[in-house]
């Protein structure tokens, strides 16, 4: 069994590779750009079951080459410009990668199918952001909810989503579309809110550790302990946004279950069971710091406020759960613990 992963260097793609190596006997063909940061995949170097091939969604020749070499049975399409805030700054880049790049991939998979090279199951990774801000009477969000894109990123994922539907309907590609809701864990980039909170907390922890020294084999305190109340700043955006969180381990397990048990041509919401505000997650993180909770205070950073924001995301995942039996195994506590420990290792 051969599996092609686009976006292997990213948060989800790297975890997907880990899951497949542990739970299947598949060989993985990893599509990566030469300029991509490889911190998430260094542990995969030297693994005989992983083949890295330089390729780019904007270069159809390189896409055709990796498909011909991999002859995949499954394709997981994670590659994207996935940060909504950045999409306001670089809308054209976002649209190119997420729309034109996805079209390039689907075109080359169509050509490969027509030439008898391969006819894989394709997991086309859309996003819960396509729903935008639902009305209160539309909660929880079903797959039939209206699409109301609210930023360039979500607009690009609407196009990605609709293109995937069209390539199944018009050309018969074996595409399954997922609309994953908030998923977090180790390796999440620090430009994303929850990971950034963990990053800031660990920065304060590290700064405090550096203010100790050793003289004559004895630890000498250079600062007073505990730190003063409200002395450690955490920069935040909108803490009132409501999200439903799942752990990255549950998310990649869902992707695999979707690939083997999902129905071709269908769209599936996938998400966790725990709904709360972004502020609630920050409180959870702060209570787990080695520094006292009372020492922290928050400050709104205007640069972290989206020009248009999606503030209410509560999914109805009954369709996927009833078909596959999938349900989350990990909690918000697992997410926040893993994020803090990740940044403690990285910083």
Foldseek 3Di string as FASTA:
>chain_A
DEEEEEPCQADLNVVLVVCCVVPHPYQYEYEDAPPDDRPSCPVVPPPPSYHYAYDALVDLVSLLVSCLVRLDQEYEYDDAPQDQLCCQVVLVVRLCCLQVSLVSNLVSQLVCVVVVSHQHEYEQEAAPQQLFADDPVCPPPDPPHDGDHWGSNSVSSVNSVVVQLCCCVPRVRQYEYEHEFAEFFFRHDLVDALLVLLLLLVVVVVVLVVQWDADPNDIDHNDDPPADFAAREDEHADQQFKGFYAYSNLVSVLSVLCRVQNGGSYYFYDTADDMDTSNVLSLLLLVPGPHHSRNYDYDYDVSRYHPTDRRYHRHDGCVSCVRRVRHGDDDSNNRSVRSNVNSNVVD
